[in-house]
Amino acid sequence: MRLGDVPPDATVRSGGNEVLLRTARLEAKLHYVYETGRHRGYVLGLTNLSSNEAYHVDVRRFGGETLVLVGAKDVVIPPGKSTRLYVVDWK
């Protein structure tokens, strides 16, 4: 997902840039959904809405019985900038 490669057994669909979360400091949009027989992966765009303060992405806050992995391209987002968050769950 991070490299944009699609495994042979996977399908990818657009997330439509749907806004999943918006606070005063952060906006999260769904970019892509990857599907395989056993996993579902999400590529989210995170935007720091602050004009003067960096946003720290804490991947340790994600959890659950079906969570396989979570990772961020950058764990510190400068003011006004964006990064990607990758989440993979068991189906």
Protein backbone atom coordinates (compact mmCIF):
# COMPACT_ATOMS: atom_id res chain seq x y z
CA MET A 1 0.00 0.00 0.00
CA ARG A 2 2.74 2.42 0.92
CA LEU A 3 4.46 1.98 -2.43
CA GLY A 4 1.22 1.94 -4.42
CA ASP A 5 1.71 -1.70 -5.45
CA VAL A 6 -1.37 -3.89 -5.65
CA PRO A 7 -0.92 -7.58 -4.73
CA PRO A 8 -2.23 -10.01 -7.39
CA ASP A 9 -5.08 -11.17 -5.13
CA ALA A 10 -6.16 -7.64 -4.13
CA THR A 11 -8.59 -5.09 -5.40
CA VAL A 12 -8.33 -1.38 -4.75
CA ARG A 13 -11.09 1.18 -4.74
CA SER A 14 -11.13 4.87 -4.13
CA GLY A 15 -12.24 6.08 -0.75
CA GLY A 16 -13.59 9.19 -2.43
CA ASN A 17 -11.53 11.43 -0.14
CA GLU A 18 -14.38 11.13 2.34
CA VAL A 19 -13.70 13.10 5.51
CA LEU A 20 -13.65 10.59 8.37
CA LEU A 21 -12.58 12.99 11.11
CA ARG A 22 -12.15 16.72 11.43
CA THR A 23 -11.06 18.55 14.54
CA ALA A 24 -9.57 21.99 15.03
CA ARG A 25 -6.08 20.52 14.47
CA LEU A 26 -6.50 17.48 12.19
CA GLU A 27 -8.43 16.26 9.18
CA ALA A 28 -8.46 12.59 8.13
CA LYS A 29 -9.68 11.58 4.66
CA LEU A 30 -10.09 8.08 3.23
CA HIS A 31 -8.02 7.83 0.03
CA TYR A 32 -8.05 4.09 -0.83
CA VAL A 33 -9.41 0.76 0.39
CA TYR A 34 -7.45 -2.42 -0.43
CA GLU A 35 -9.29 -5.77 -0.23
CA THR A 36 -7.94 -9.31 -0.23
CA GLY A 37 -9.54 -12.54 0.88
CA ARG A 38 -8.18 -12.12 4.40
CA HIS A 39 -7.38 -8.44 4.88
CA ARG A 40 -8.79 -4.98 4.39
CA GLY A 41 -6.38 -2.07 4.18
CA TYR A 42 -7.04 1.65 4.40
CA VAL A 43 -4.91 4.52 3.17
CA LEU A 44 -5.82 7.73 4.97
CA GLY A 45 -4.61 11.23 4.34
CA LEU A 46 -3.92 13.21 7.52
CA THR A 47 -3.67 16.99 7.28
CA ASN A 48 -2.42 19.21 10.07
CA LEU A 49 -4.82 22.16 10.10
CA SER A 50 -2.71 24.21 12.52
CA SER A 51 -0.82 27.16 11.11
CA ASN A 52 1.87 27.15 13.76
CA GLU A 53 2.09 23.82 15.61
CA ALA A 54 3.29 20.38 14.48
CA TYR A 55 0.92 17.45 14.94
CA HIS A 56 2.33 14.20 16.37
CA VAL A 57 0.71 10.99 15.06
CA ASP A 58 0.64 8.38 17.84
CA VAL A 59 0.11 5.01 16.12
CA ARG A 60 0.00 3.33 19.55
CA ARG A 61 -3.52 4.74 19.97
CA PHE A 62 -4.82 2.31 17.34
CA GLY A 63 -5.84 -1.12 18.52
CA GLY A 64 -8.41 -3.85 18.29
CA GLU A 65 -8.78 -7.57 17.87
CA THR A 66 -8.72 -7.39 14.07
CA LEU A 67 -5.85 -4.91 13.70
CA VAL A 68 -2.88 -6.36 11.81
CA LEU A 69 -0.74 -3.25 11.43
CA VAL A 70 -0.78 0.51 11.45
CA GLY A 71 1.91 2.87 10.24
CA ALA A 72 2.41 6.45 9.19
CA LYS A 73 4.61 7.84 6.45
CA ASP A 74 5.58 10.63 8.86
CA VAL A 75 4.83 10.66 12.59
CA VAL A 76 5.27 14.43 12.85
CA ILE A 77 3.19 16.57 10.49
CA PRO A 78 4.42 20.17 10.13
CA PRO A 79 1.82 22.96 10.25
CA GLY A 80 -0.34 23.01 7.12
CA LYS A 81 1.18 19.78 5.74
CA SER A 82 -0.11 16.24 5.18
CA THR A 83 1.00 12.63 5.54
CA ARG A 84 -0.46 9.18 4.97
CA LEU A 85 -1.66 6.67 7.55
CA TYR A 86 -1.87 2.96 6.68
CA VAL A 87 -4.20 0.60 8.57
CA VAL A 88 -4.65 -3.14 7.87
CA ASP A 89 -7.31 -5.30 9.55
CA TRP A 90 -8.30 -8.96 9.37
CA LYS A 91 -11.69 -9.38 7.74
